[in-house]
Amino acid sequence: MSEGLKETRVKHEFGSSETERKLDCLRSYLAAYSVALSKQSFARIYIDAFAGTGDRTETRAALPSFFNGNVGSVDEITTPGSARIAIETAPAFHSIALIENDPEKVIALRAIAEEYPNRRLHIREGDANAEVQRICNRYSWKKERMRGVIFLDPYGMEVSWDTVASIARTEALDCWYFFPLSGLYRNAPKDPLKLDQGKIDALNRVFGTDSWRQDWYATEEGLTDLLGDLFNRERRIVDADKIEEWVHARLKSVFKGTVLKPLRLKHANGAPMASLFFAVSNPSKAAVKVATDIANHILKAGI
């Protein structure tokens, strides 16, 4: 590794035990997927749309030492992030695209790439939506006998529906999508008076439609105020479970293979954090069976 890259390498601190569950699902799937396709003549591709630094740094409380008095010390544990997990998958992917918009994290990814000179690693700096759509639209995936896996792990609600649709159109990519339920709650409040134009635009971009408004909200009629006057009130009528079902149906509208029931991940207080969806774009029955047999086992084990 060059000295310049060493000096500028940054840590990517994020996540909890739920993050590790998510990464375990990805790790298990990539390993089984690579083995399953290794005897076929497909070029195996992996795309990480929000690659970060490639590693994950977690701060944990250290065991107390009664000899040196370091009772309140902490340990920093560095574990593989999604990008390094993909790089270290065996049999190896033929090509790996790592996308990141943060210049400092891109530097860290390039440093990791130097550790694996024999791997075809493509570090792409830029907006994830633009880069993923460009990659998906560039190739005739089936004609060129390309198959692959894409991991969508946004920091918030960055993934646009146009990106999801471009993945589905390849009919060649299996998609793991860490869908931000907590982001939906912030942008779709129970009280529609708090639903400003910015939140509406964000939801429209994520779903590619405004039909969520009529499906999630309803007008309660005939309510009475303290003075006995009648009034109507619009409220969000769906909870996390119903929203998750709605997202599931929306994804199934474009993925011709299948979309599995997701794994629900939660914040430390038990509130919904995200739903880890698995979708197959390939409509081939054989491809769907291989992918879903693997993913179903992983998702059920993760519950």
Foldseek 3Di string as FASTA:
>chain_A
DDPVLVVLADAAEDDDVLQVLLLVLLLLLLQLVCVVCVPPPAQEEEEELACFLQKYKYKAADPADPPPGPRGDIDIDIGGDNNVSLCPHPVHHQAYEYEHADPSSLSSNVVVCVVPVPHHYHYHHDHSQVVLLCVLVVDQCVVNRYAYEYEADDPALRHFVSSLLSQLVSLHYKYKHFAFLVNLCVQAPFACVPNDPVSQVSVCRRLVDSVCPVVQKDKDFQDADPVRDTDIGITGDDDSVVVLVVVLVSSCVRQLCHKDFWAWDADPVRHTGTTTIITRSNNDPVVSVSSCVSSVVSSVVSD
